[in-house]
Each structure stands twice: as C-alpha cells, then as structure tokens.
Amino acid sequence: MMGHTHWVIGAASWLGVLAFTPVYHNGATVFGGTAIAAVSALCADIDTKNSMASKALGPITGALSYLIRTLFGGHRKITHSILGIILVAAGVYALTTGFHWPVWIGVAALTGWASHIGSDMLTREGCPLLWPISKKKYGLHLVTTGKRAEKYLIRPSALIACIVFSVMLVRGL
C-alpha cells in the first residue's frame, strides 16, 4: 500500500477500536489517538528509501531508514514482521511508562503499526510475518500496490470507515 492509504487505514483502525470498546472517550483519545495511529501506520515503511516515514524528518529519518535497510536487508523485513511488532511494542511501552503517558497513546501507536502490516497483507507482496526465521510472505495477495483497487476501493473504504466510526463515537452507539 501507498503512504496515503496507510495513514487513512491507521486512522480508521483507531476510530474503530474506540467505537467498539466500552471505554470513556474524550477529545484527546479521539483526535490525538487518531493522529498517532495515522502517523504510526506510516512508520513501518521507514525501511523504504522514498517513503513518507523516511522523509518525515529529513536527514534524521533518512539516516534511520538507511540504517534499518542496511542492517535488516531492505523493505518488508523486520518492520513488517511479528518480531518488529514486538520490538515496537517494547519501545512504546518504555516510552509510555518512562514518560508516564496514558496507555491509550501506546495502544494508538500499536494500532497504527498493526494496521500497516494488515493492509500490506492485502497486497500481492504480502508480509514476512515470521522473519527472520522464514522469508515466506503471508497475505491474501489481492491487490497491487498503488493500482486501481487501492486508490478507488481500499482508500475510499477506509475514509468511509473513518466517517462511520466517528458518527458512532459522537452518537455513543
């Protein structure tokens, strides 16, 4: 998937989590969490030279991207694996506990990252979930990245999901 699609799916995923969980929601959890999930949904592509994540902070994220690509073999390796999710979860846990941030911040970040992997599993490329144990790429292999199905079906569907979940939150459904 392309970055534009990932951030919309990340936002929709977070709003869906909020819409279907029986917890109190306020402006911070809705708007802040949506922004965190959307940005986090881009972060798994830090292993790609020209991704939004790699360009986000100029030379800082560019250097981090280069380091990850060099150490772990390129795109869709560690950042698209279960090991990657575990490492991100550990980092998020350390940040939220170290800075005494609310738990929802970490949950939003993990929701975004997981939505990235889930959406990439819809593509023909799939994801190496068991990397580095196995190079096999798992997924449904339904769409080609950047082509019509992504642009005219998946991305608009995610936008509609954002609207539907937002209405559910406002109405308390």
Foldseek 3Di string as FASTA:
>chain_A
DALLLLLLLQLLLQLVVVLPDPDDDDPCLNVVLSNLLSVLLQCLQLLPQPHCQCPVVNPVSVVVNVVCCVVFPGHQALSLALNNLVVLLVVLVCVCVVVVNDPSSSVSSSSSSVSNNQVQLQALQAHPHPPPVDPDHHHDNNHHPPDDCSVPPSSVVSVVSSVVSVVSVVVVD
